[in-house]
Amino acid sequence: MSAEDFNFEASLQQLQQLVQQMEQGKLSLEESMQAFEQGIALTRQCQQALDKAEQKVQTLMQDATGKLVEQPFTAQADIDKEQG
């Protein structure tokens, strides 16, 4: 799977399904190990996607001098901008 094909939400949902299957206790040891390995891979992919998103946000938040401009990220701030 290439980075362009990665779907964070779908991967997160798949990870949740794996956890549910393992919690039910109906998997064999081998199936549990395979699910665990798949879960670790999904977790790493999701973390990489989050890291890339954070880097992109930081790049977008830099001012003209290259300094990182810290701004609150809240739903209320977005509402205030739209109304202001």
C-alpha atoms as a PDB file:
ATOM      1  CA  MET A   1       0.000   0.000   0.000  1.00  0.00           C
ATOM      2  CA  SER A   2       1.475   3.361  -1.013  1.00  0.00           C
ATOM      3  CA  ALA A   3       1.249   6.470   1.138  1.00  0.00           C
ATOM      4  CA  GLU A   4      -1.302   7.922  -1.287  1.00  0.00           C
ATOM      5  CA  ASP A   5      -3.564   4.881  -0.839  1.00  0.00           C
ATOM      6  CA  PHE A   6      -3.453   4.976   2.981  1.00  0.00           C
ATOM      7  CA  ASN A   7      -6.815   5.707   4.598  1.00  0.00           C
ATOM      8  CA  PHE A   8      -6.391   6.659   8.248  1.00  0.00           C
ATOM      9  CA  GLU A   9     -10.036   6.237   9.215  1.00  0.00           C
ATOM     10  CA  ALA A  10     -10.338   2.822   7.547  1.00  0.00           C
ATOM     11  CA  SER A  11      -7.108   1.651   9.191  1.00  0.00           C
ATOM     12  CA  LEU A  12      -8.265   2.847  12.587  1.00  0.00           C
ATOM     13  CA  GLN A  13     -11.575   1.040  12.142  1.00  0.00           C
ATOM     14  CA  GLN A  14      -9.743  -2.137  11.112  1.00  0.00           C
ATOM     15  CA  LEU A  15      -7.554  -1.837  14.203  1.00  0.00           C
ATOM     16  CA  GLN A  16     -10.625  -1.493  16.414  1.00  0.00           C
ATOM     17  CA  GLN A  17     -12.140  -4.606  14.837  1.00  0.00           C
ATOM     18  CA  LEU A  18      -8.943  -6.566  15.497  1.00  0.00           C
ATOM     19  CA  VAL A  19      -8.991  -5.513  19.137  1.00  0.00           C
ATOM     20  CA  GLN A  20     -12.632  -6.566  19.482  1.00  0.00           C
ATOM     21  CA  GLN A  21     -11.898  -9.965  17.945  1.00  0.00           C
ATOM     22  CA  MET A  22      -8.989 -10.534  20.291  1.00  0.00           C
ATOM     23  CA  GLU A  23     -10.985  -9.384  23.326  1.00  0.00           C
ATOM     24  CA  GLN A  24     -13.737 -11.887  22.542  1.00  0.00           C
ATOM     25  CA  GLY A  25     -11.229 -14.687  23.109  1.00  0.00           C
ATOM     26  CA  LYS A  26     -12.495 -16.833  20.248  1.00  0.00           C
ATOM     27  CA  LEU A  27      -9.304 -16.732  18.201  1.00  0.00           C
ATOM     28  CA  SER A  28      -6.726 -19.486  18.301  1.00  0.00           C
ATOM     29  CA  LEU A  29      -3.243 -18.641  19.490  1.00  0.00           C
ATOM     30  CA  GLU A  30      -2.000 -18.479  15.900  1.00  0.00           C
ATOM     31  CA  GLU A  31      -4.911 -16.263  14.834  1.00  0.00           C
ATOM     32  CA  SER A  32      -4.323 -14.026  17.848  1.00  0.00           C
ATOM     33  CA  MET A  33      -0.646 -13.658  16.957  1.00  0.00           C
ATOM     34  CA  GLN A  34      -1.524 -12.785  13.358  1.00  0.00           C
ATOM     35  CA  ALA A  35      -4.096 -10.248  14.543  1.00  0.00           C
ATOM     36  CA  PHE A  36      -1.552  -8.766  16.942  1.00  0.00           C
ATOM     37  CA  GLU A  37       1.074  -8.437  14.189  1.00  0.00           C
ATOM     38  CA  GLN A  38      -1.469  -6.840  11.875  1.00  0.00           C
ATOM     39  CA  GLY A  39      -2.509  -4.485  14.666  1.00  0.00           C
ATOM     40  CA  ILE A  40       1.081  -3.407  15.276  1.00  0.00           C
ATOM     41  CA  ALA A  41       1.530  -2.680  11.554  1.00  0.00           C
ATOM     42  CA  LEU A  42      -1.703  -0.654  11.463  1.00  0.00           C
ATOM     43  CA  THR A  43      -0.685   1.249  14.586  1.00  0.00           C
ATOM     44  CA  ARG A  44       2.663   2.184  13.015  1.00  0.00           C
ATOM     45  CA  GLN A  45       0.987   3.310   9.799  1.00  0.00           C
ATOM     46  CA  CYS A  46      -1.510   5.432  11.720  1.00  0.00           C
ATOM     47  CA  GLN A  47       1.258   6.980  13.823  1.00  0.00           C
ATOM     48  CA  GLN A  48       3.255   7.837  10.693  1.00  0.00           C
ATOM     49  CA  ALA A  49       0.169   9.479   9.180  1.00  0.00           C
ATOM     50  CA  LEU A  50      -0.365  11.505  12.370  1.00  0.00           C
ATOM     51  CA  ASP A  51       3.302  12.558  12.403  1.00  0.00           C
ATOM     52  CA  LYS A  52       3.063  13.732   8.778  1.00  0.00           C
ATOM     53  CA  ALA A  53      -0.131  15.662   9.538  1.00  0.00           C
ATOM     54  CA  GLU A  54       1.538  17.334  12.519  1.00  0.00           C
ATOM     55  CA  GLN A  55       4.529  18.334  10.377  1.00  0.00           C
ATOM     56  CA  LYS A  56       2.209  19.781   7.746  1.00  0.00           C
ATOM     57  CA  VAL A  57       0.283  21.774  10.357  1.00  0.00           C
ATOM     58  CA  GLN A  58       3.532  23.114  11.814  1.00  0.00           C
ATOM     59  CA  THR A  59       4.709  24.137   8.351  1.00  0.00           C
ATOM     60  CA  LEU A  60       1.439  25.928   7.696  1.00  0.00           C
ATOM     61  CA  MET A  61       1.617  27.681  11.071  1.00  0.00           C
ATOM     62  CA  GLN A  62       5.083  29.178  10.529  1.00  0.00           C
ATOM     63  CA  ASP A  63       5.219  32.934  10.116  1.00  0.00           C
ATOM     64  CA  ALA A  64       7.340  34.803   7.557  1.00  0.00           C
ATOM     65  CA  THR A  65      10.439  34.625   9.779  1.00  0.00           C
ATOM     66  CA  GLY A  66      10.199  30.855  10.034  1.00  0.00           C
ATOM     67  CA  LYS A  67       9.122  30.943  13.659  1.00  0.00           C
ATOM     68  CA  LEU A  68       6.372  28.589  14.688  1.00  0.00           C
ATOM     69  CA  VAL A  69       3.301  30.623  15.603  1.00  0.00           C
ATOM     70  CA  GLU A  70       1.315  28.971  18.345  1.00  0.00           C
ATOM     71  CA  GLN A  71      -2.418  29.340  17.909  1.00  0.00           C
ATOM     72  CA  PRO A  72      -5.278  27.692  19.778  1.00  0.00           C
ATOM     73  CA  PHE A  73      -7.015  24.935  17.879  1.00  0.00           C
ATOM     74  CA  THR A  74     -10.538  24.846  19.196  1.00  0.00           C
ATOM     75  CA  ALA A  75     -13.955  24.682  17.638  1.00  0.00           C
ATOM     76  CA  GLN A  76     -14.871  27.931  19.398  1.00  0.00           C
ATOM     77  CA  ALA A  77     -11.943  29.761  17.764  1.00  0.00           C
ATOM     78  CA  ASP A  78     -13.158  28.599  14.360  1.00  0.00           C
ATOM     79  CA  ILE A  79     -16.702  29.786  15.113  1.00  0.00           C
ATOM     80  CA  ASP A  80     -15.423  33.183  16.281  1.00  0.00           C
ATOM     81  CA  LYS A  81     -13.419  33.611  13.038  1.00  0.00           C
ATOM     82  CA  GLU A  82     -16.462  32.857  10.913  1.00  0.00           C
ATOM     83  CA  GLN A  83     -18.690  35.263  12.839  1.00  0.00           C
ATOM     84  CA  GLY A  84     -16.069  38.018  13.195  1.00  0.00           C
END
